[in-house]
């Protein structure tokens, strides 16, 4: 058996240089602003790209750093569970 056959239809490569960072930065800036966090973004970094959600790290020019998980599916089990824990702990 060839080693690469283990990943047949299970692994995909994408060219990350084709990501449009300006769109990511604009969208993430709007999410931060909606959350009451404002300030110019100095850097965004995609940390995790999953099937249900993506995780970004956002560094603002004032030195603060935020991580945000974004999903287009409001029923994502992982994020629902994390949101419940965060709501109950505050």
Protein backbone atom coordinates (compact mmCIF):
# COMPACT_ATOMS: atom_id res chain seq x y z
CA UNK A 1 0.00 0.00 0.00
CA UNK A 2 1.27 3.43 -0.90
CA UNK A 3 1.44 5.82 2.11
CA UNK A 4 -0.42 8.61 0.32
CA UNK A 5 -3.39 6.34 -0.37
CA UNK A 6 -4.25 6.56 3.35
CA UNK A 7 -5.25 10.17 2.73
CA UNK A 8 -7.27 9.56 -0.44
CA UNK A 9 -10.18 12.07 -0.37
CA UNK A 10 -9.30 12.99 3.23
CA UNK A 11 -6.54 15.57 2.91
CA UNK A 12 -6.48 18.73 0.83
CA UNK A 13 -3.85 21.36 0.19
CA UNK A 14 -4.72 24.99 -0.27
CA UNK A 15 -2.45 27.86 -1.16
CA UNK A 16 -2.59 30.14 1.88
CA UNK A 17 -0.92 32.95 -0.05
CA UNK A 18 -4.21 33.40 -1.92
CA UNK A 19 -6.05 34.41 1.27
CA UNK A 20 -7.36 37.95 1.13
CA UNK A 21 -6.00 39.39 4.38
CA UNK A 22 -7.60 42.79 3.81
CA UNK A 23 -11.08 41.19 3.77
CA UNK A 24 -10.23 39.13 6.88
CA UNK A 25 -8.95 42.24 8.63
CA UNK A 26 -12.04 44.27 7.71
CA UNK A 27 -14.46 41.56 8.85
CA UNK A 28 -12.56 40.90 12.08
CA UNK A 29 -12.40 44.64 12.78
CA UNK A 30 -16.19 44.84 12.48
CA UNK A 31 -16.62 41.91 14.86
CA UNK A 32 -14.29 43.54 17.40
CA UNK A 33 -16.07 46.88 17.08
CA UNK A 34 -19.45 45.18 17.60
CA UNK A 35 -17.96 43.65 20.77
CA UNK A 36 -16.90 47.07 22.06
CA UNK A 37 -13.20 46.64 21.23
CA UNK A 38 -11.83 49.36 18.99
CA UNK A 39 -8.43 50.23 17.69
CA UNK A 40 -6.35 49.82 14.58
CA UNK A 41 -5.39 46.24 13.79
CA UNK A 42 -1.67 45.71 13.33
CA UNK A 43 -1.83 42.01 12.42
CA UNK A 44 -4.25 39.12 11.88
CA UNK A 45 -3.23 35.49 11.78
CA UNK A 46 -5.33 32.46 10.92
CA UNK A 47 -4.57 29.94 13.68
CA UNK A 48 -7.02 27.16 12.89
CA UNK A 49 -9.13 26.44 9.85
CA UNK A 50 -11.68 23.75 10.64
CA UNK A 51 -14.80 22.35 9.11
CA UNK A 52 -17.08 24.09 11.61
CA UNK A 53 -15.18 27.25 12.52
CA UNK A 54 -11.95 29.20 12.02
CA UNK A 55 -9.79 30.71 14.75
CA UNK A 56 -7.96 34.00 14.25
CA UNK A 57 -5.47 35.89 16.38
CA UNK A 58 -5.80 39.66 16.15
CA UNK A 59 -3.13 42.02 17.42
CA UNK A 60 -4.07 45.66 17.83
CA UNK A 61 -1.64 48.54 17.52
CA UNK A 62 -2.05 49.26 21.26
CA UNK A 63 -0.41 45.88 21.98
CA UNK A 64 -3.50 43.92 23.01
CA UNK A 65 -4.03 40.55 21.42
CA UNK A 66 -7.35 38.77 20.91
CA UNK A 67 -8.37 35.36 19.64
CA UNK A 68 -11.70 34.90 17.93
CA UNK A 69 -13.54 31.86 16.64
CA UNK A 70 -15.78 32.49 13.64
CA UNK A 71 -18.44 30.16 12.27
CA UNK A 72 -21.23 30.60 9.74
CA UNK A 73 -23.14 27.76 11.43
CA UNK A 74 -25.00 28.92 14.54
CA UNK A 75 -25.37 25.31 15.68
CA UNK A 76 -21.67 24.41 15.83
CA UNK A 77 -21.50 22.10 18.89
CA UNK A 78 -18.00 23.10 19.98
CA UNK A 79 -18.76 26.82 19.93
CA UNK A 80 -22.17 26.38 21.57
CA UNK A 81 -20.53 24.46 24.41
CA UNK A 82 -17.77 27.06 24.82
CA UNK A 83 -20.28 29.94 24.73
CA UNK A 84 -22.33 28.28 27.48
CA UNK A 85 -19.24 27.85 29.66
CA UNK A 86 -18.18 31.46 29.11
CA UNK A 87 -21.67 32.82 29.86
CA UNK A 88 -21.90 30.78 33.06
CA UNK A 89 -18.44 31.81 34.27
CA UNK A 90 -18.94 35.57 33.97
